Amino acid sequence: MAYTEKFQKLADGACSRVEGVSPERVDDFLSEGAIALDIRDSEEHKAGHITGSINISRGKLEMIVESEIPDLMTTVLCYCNAVNRGALSADTLRSMGYVNAKYIDGGLIGYNALSE
C-alpha cells in the first residue's frame, strides 16, 4: 500500500521513539507475560491474529486501553499487518504512560512468516 508522505513521516517518527521487537522474539516476550495488542480493525482480527492477543482498533485505542490493560508497567507488543499502525500505537501508549509499549517489527505478516 502506498502511504502519503506525511503519514509515513509520522510513522517513521514513531519507529524512532519506540522499540521494535523482531518477530523471532515475540513468543519469548509473550511467555514472560507480555500482552500482544492487535490494533487492527475487528474484521482484520477475526481473519487472523496472534493467539491470545487483545484487539483494540487504532481508532479506539486511547479510549479503551486503560480498561483492558490497567497496569502501566505491562509489556505491550502492538501490532498491525506490517509496521506503521503498530508503531504509532506503541508511541501513543508510551505518551499515555505505558513505559514498556513496543511494536512488532514486521507485524502479523512477519510473525506468521516464521511458521511458513
C-alpha atoms as a PDB file:
ATOM      1  CA  MET A   1       0.000   0.000   0.000  1.00  0.00           C
ATOM      2  CA  ALA A   2       1.310   3.458  -0.871  1.00  0.00           C
ATOM      3  CA  TYR A   3       1.147   5.866   2.042  1.00  0.00           C
ATOM      4  CA  THR A   4       1.156   9.642   1.946  1.00  0.00           C
ATOM      5  CA  GLU A   5       4.422  11.351   2.712  1.00  0.00           C
ATOM      6  CA  LYS A   6       3.035  12.954   5.872  1.00  0.00           C
ATOM      7  CA  PHE A   7       1.652   9.680   7.206  1.00  0.00           C
ATOM      8  CA  GLN A   8       4.932   7.875   6.556  1.00  0.00           C
ATOM      9  CA  LYS A   9       6.894  10.657   8.254  1.00  0.00           C
ATOM     10  CA  LEU A  10       4.632  10.341  11.293  1.00  0.00           C
ATOM     11  CA  ALA A  11       5.068   6.555  11.364  1.00  0.00           C
ATOM     12  CA  ASP A  12       8.842   6.817  10.898  1.00  0.00           C
ATOM     13  CA  GLY A  13       8.987   9.200  13.845  1.00  0.00           C
ATOM     14  CA  ALA A  14       7.098   6.710  15.987  1.00  0.00           C
ATOM     15  CA  CYS A  15       9.505   3.949  14.938  1.00  0.00           C
ATOM     16  CA  SER A  16      12.438   6.090  16.050  1.00  0.00           C
ATOM     17  CA  ARG A  17      10.938   6.698  19.508  1.00  0.00           C
ATOM     18  CA  VAL A  18       9.674   3.204  20.347  1.00  0.00           C
ATOM     19  CA  GLU A  19      11.455  -0.138  20.441  1.00  0.00           C
ATOM     20  CA  GLY A  20      10.602  -2.588  17.707  1.00  0.00           C
ATOM     21  CA  VAL A  21      10.605  -6.283  18.579  1.00  0.00           C
ATOM     22  CA  SER A  22      11.594  -8.759  15.886  1.00  0.00           C
ATOM     23  CA  PRO A  23       9.014 -11.457  15.119  1.00  0.00           C
ATOM     24  CA  GLU A  24      11.505 -14.076  16.337  1.00  0.00           C
ATOM     25  CA  ARG A  25      11.417 -12.589  19.859  1.00  0.00           C
ATOM     26  CA  VAL A  26       7.628 -12.235  20.205  1.00  0.00           C
ATOM     27  CA  ASP A  27       6.953 -15.666  21.726  1.00  0.00           C
ATOM     28  CA  ASP A  28       9.680 -15.093  24.323  1.00  0.00           C
ATOM     29  CA  PHE A  29       8.081 -11.809  25.354  1.00  0.00           C
ATOM     30  CA  LEU A  30       4.644 -13.435  25.498  1.00  0.00           C
ATOM     31  CA  SER A  31       5.928 -16.311  27.640  1.00  0.00           C
ATOM     32  CA  GLU A  32       7.289 -13.693  30.062  1.00  0.00           C
ATOM     33  CA  GLY A  33       3.855 -12.073  30.441  1.00  0.00           C
ATOM     34  CA  ALA A  34       3.755  -9.508  27.653  1.00  0.00           C
ATOM     35  CA  ILE A  35       0.426  -8.753  26.002  1.00  0.00           C
ATOM     36  CA  ALA A  36       0.066  -8.816  22.226  1.00  0.00           C
ATOM     37  CA  LEU A  37      -2.200  -5.930  21.252  1.00  0.00           C
ATOM     38  CA  ASP A  38      -3.760  -6.193  17.804  1.00  0.00           C
ATOM     39  CA  ILE A  39      -4.649  -2.636  16.850  1.00  0.00           C
ATOM     40  CA  ARG A  40      -6.235  -3.554  13.529  1.00  0.00           C
ATOM     41  CA  ASP A  41      -9.958  -3.333  12.918  1.00  0.00           C
ATOM     42  CA  SER A  42     -12.094  -6.160  14.300  1.00  0.00           C
ATOM     43  CA  GLU A  43     -12.664  -7.619  10.820  1.00  0.00           C
ATOM     44  CA  GLU A  44      -8.909  -7.905  10.326  1.00  0.00           C
ATOM     45  CA  HIS A  45      -8.517  -9.502  13.750  1.00  0.00           C
ATOM     46  CA  LYS A  46     -11.256 -12.054  13.023  1.00  0.00           C
ATOM     47  CA  ALA A  47      -9.471 -13.028   9.802  1.00  0.00           C
ATOM     48  CA  GLY A  48      -6.311 -13.972  11.737  1.00  0.00           C
ATOM     49  CA  HIS A  49      -4.279 -12.837  14.734  1.00  0.00           C
ATOM     50  CA  ILE A  50      -1.621 -13.815  17.246  1.00  0.00           C
ATOM     51  CA  THR A  51      -3.149 -16.374  19.596  1.00  0.00           C
ATOM     52  CA  GLY A  52      -4.220 -14.770  22.865  1.00  0.00           C
ATOM     53  CA  SER A  53      -3.935 -11.213  21.598  1.00  0.00           C
ATOM     54  CA  ILE A  54      -6.254  -8.438  22.687  1.00  0.00           C
ATOM     55  CA  ASN A  55      -7.946  -6.484  19.903  1.00  0.00           C
ATOM     56  CA  ILE A  56      -8.446  -2.740  20.282  1.00  0.00           C
ATOM     57  CA  SER A  57      -8.708  -0.899  16.987  1.00  0.00           C
ATOM     58  CA  ARG A  58      -6.376   2.047  16.500  1.00  0.00           C
ATOM     59  CA  GLY A  59      -9.355   4.399  16.362  1.00  0.00           C
ATOM     60  CA  LYS A  60     -10.466   3.493  19.892  1.00  0.00           C
ATOM     61  CA  LEU A  61      -7.101   2.773  21.487  1.00  0.00           C
ATOM     62  CA  GLU A  62      -6.858   5.800  23.760  1.00  0.00           C
ATOM     63  CA  MET A  63     -10.456   5.410  24.960  1.00  0.00           C
ATOM     64  CA  ILE A  64     -10.342   1.689  25.780  1.00  0.00           C
ATOM     65  CA  VAL A  65      -6.793   0.640  26.609  1.00  0.00           C
ATOM     66  CA  GLU A  66      -6.841   1.601  30.289  1.00  0.00           C
ATOM     67  CA  SER A  67      -9.797  -0.680  30.993  1.00  0.00           C
ATOM     68  CA  GLU A  68      -8.177  -3.580  29.106  1.00  0.00           C
ATOM     69  CA  ILE A  69      -4.573  -3.046  30.284  1.00  0.00           C
ATOM     70  CA  PRO A  70      -4.636  -1.091  33.556  1.00  0.00           C
ATOM     71  CA  ASP A  71      -1.004  -1.741  34.589  1.00  0.00           C
ATOM     72  CA  LEU A  72       1.276   0.877  33.011  1.00  0.00           C
ATOM     73  CA  MET A  73       4.279  -1.398  33.580  1.00  0.00           C
ATOM     74  CA  THR A  74       2.900  -4.216  31.408  1.00  0.00           C
ATOM     75  CA  THR A  75       4.931  -5.010  28.324  1.00  0.00           C
ATOM     76  CA  VAL A  76       2.592  -4.372  25.427  1.00  0.00           C
ATOM     77  CA  LEU A  77       3.506  -5.540  21.916  1.00  0.00           C
ATOM     78  CA  CYS A  78       1.407  -3.538  19.472  1.00  0.00           C
ATOM     79  CA  TYR A  79       0.962  -4.952  16.020  1.00  0.00           C
ATOM     80  CA  CYS A  80      -0.818  -4.378  12.752  1.00  0.00           C
ATOM     81  CA  ASN A  81      -0.217  -6.123   9.434  1.00  0.00           C
ATOM     82  CA  ALA A  82       3.297  -4.725   8.987  1.00  0.00           C
ATOM     83  CA  VAL A  83       4.769  -1.829  10.987  1.00  0.00           C
ATOM     84  CA  ASN A  84       3.212   1.630  10.804  1.00  0.00           C
ATOM     85  CA  ARG A  85      -0.015   1.351  12.799  1.00  0.00           C
ATOM     86  CA  GLY A  86       1.711  -0.814  15.398  1.00  0.00           C
ATOM     87  CA  ALA A  87       4.498   1.720  15.869  1.00  0.00           C
ATOM     88  CA  LEU A  88       2.059   4.630  16.028  1.00  0.00           C
ATOM     89  CA  SER A  89       0.012   2.779  18.644  1.00  0.00           C
ATOM     90  CA  ALA A  90       3.043   1.927  20.762  1.00  0.00           C
ATOM     91  CA  ASP A  91       4.149   5.565  20.586  1.00  0.00           C
ATOM     92  CA  THR A  92       0.689   6.664  21.724  1.00  0.00           C
ATOM     93  CA  LEU A  93       0.767   4.197  24.610  1.00  0.00           C
ATOM     94  CA  ARG A  94       4.174   5.491  25.653  1.00  0.00           C
ATOM     95  CA  SER A  95       2.781   9.032  25.750  1.00  0.00           C
ATOM     96  CA  MET A  96      -0.030   7.694  27.970  1.00  0.00           C
ATOM     97  CA  GLY A  97       2.490   6.279  30.440  1.00  0.00           C
ATOM     98  CA  TYR A  98       2.872   2.677  29.251  1.00  0.00           C
ATOM     99  CA  VAL A  99       6.633   2.575  29.701  1.00  0.00           C
ATOM    100  CA  ASN A 100       7.059  -0.871  28.129  1.00  0.00           C
ATOM    101  CA  ALA A 101       4.998  -0.339  24.987  1.00  0.00           C
ATOM    102  CA  LYS A 102       6.739  -1.733  21.906  1.00  0.00           C
ATOM    103  CA  TYR A 103       5.723  -2.712  18.389  1.00  0.00           C
ATOM    104  CA  ILE A 104       6.248  -5.923  16.466  1.00  0.00           C
ATOM    105  CA  ASP A 105       8.547  -5.019  13.589  1.00  0.00           C
ATOM    106  CA  GLY A 106       7.009  -6.738  10.591  1.00  0.00           C
ATOM    107  CA  GLY A 107       3.637  -7.065  12.294  1.00  0.00           C
ATOM    108  CA  LEU A 108       1.409 -10.073  11.794  1.00  0.00           C
ATOM    109  CA  ILE A 109       2.872 -10.721   8.356  1.00  0.00           C
ATOM    110  CA  GLY A 110       6.362 -11.024   9.825  1.00  0.00           C
ATOM    111  CA  TYR A 111       5.169 -13.120  12.732  1.00  0.00           C
ATOM    112  CA  ASN A 112       3.216 -15.523  10.528  1.00  0.00           C
ATOM    113  CA  ALA A 113       6.173 -15.885   8.145  1.00  0.00           C
ATOM    114  CA  LEU A 114       8.066 -17.685  10.915  1.00  0.00           C
ATOM    115  CA  SER A 115       5.722 -20.654  10.706  1.00  0.00           C
ATOM    116  CA  GLU A 116       5.774 -20.954   6.922  1.00  0.00           C
END
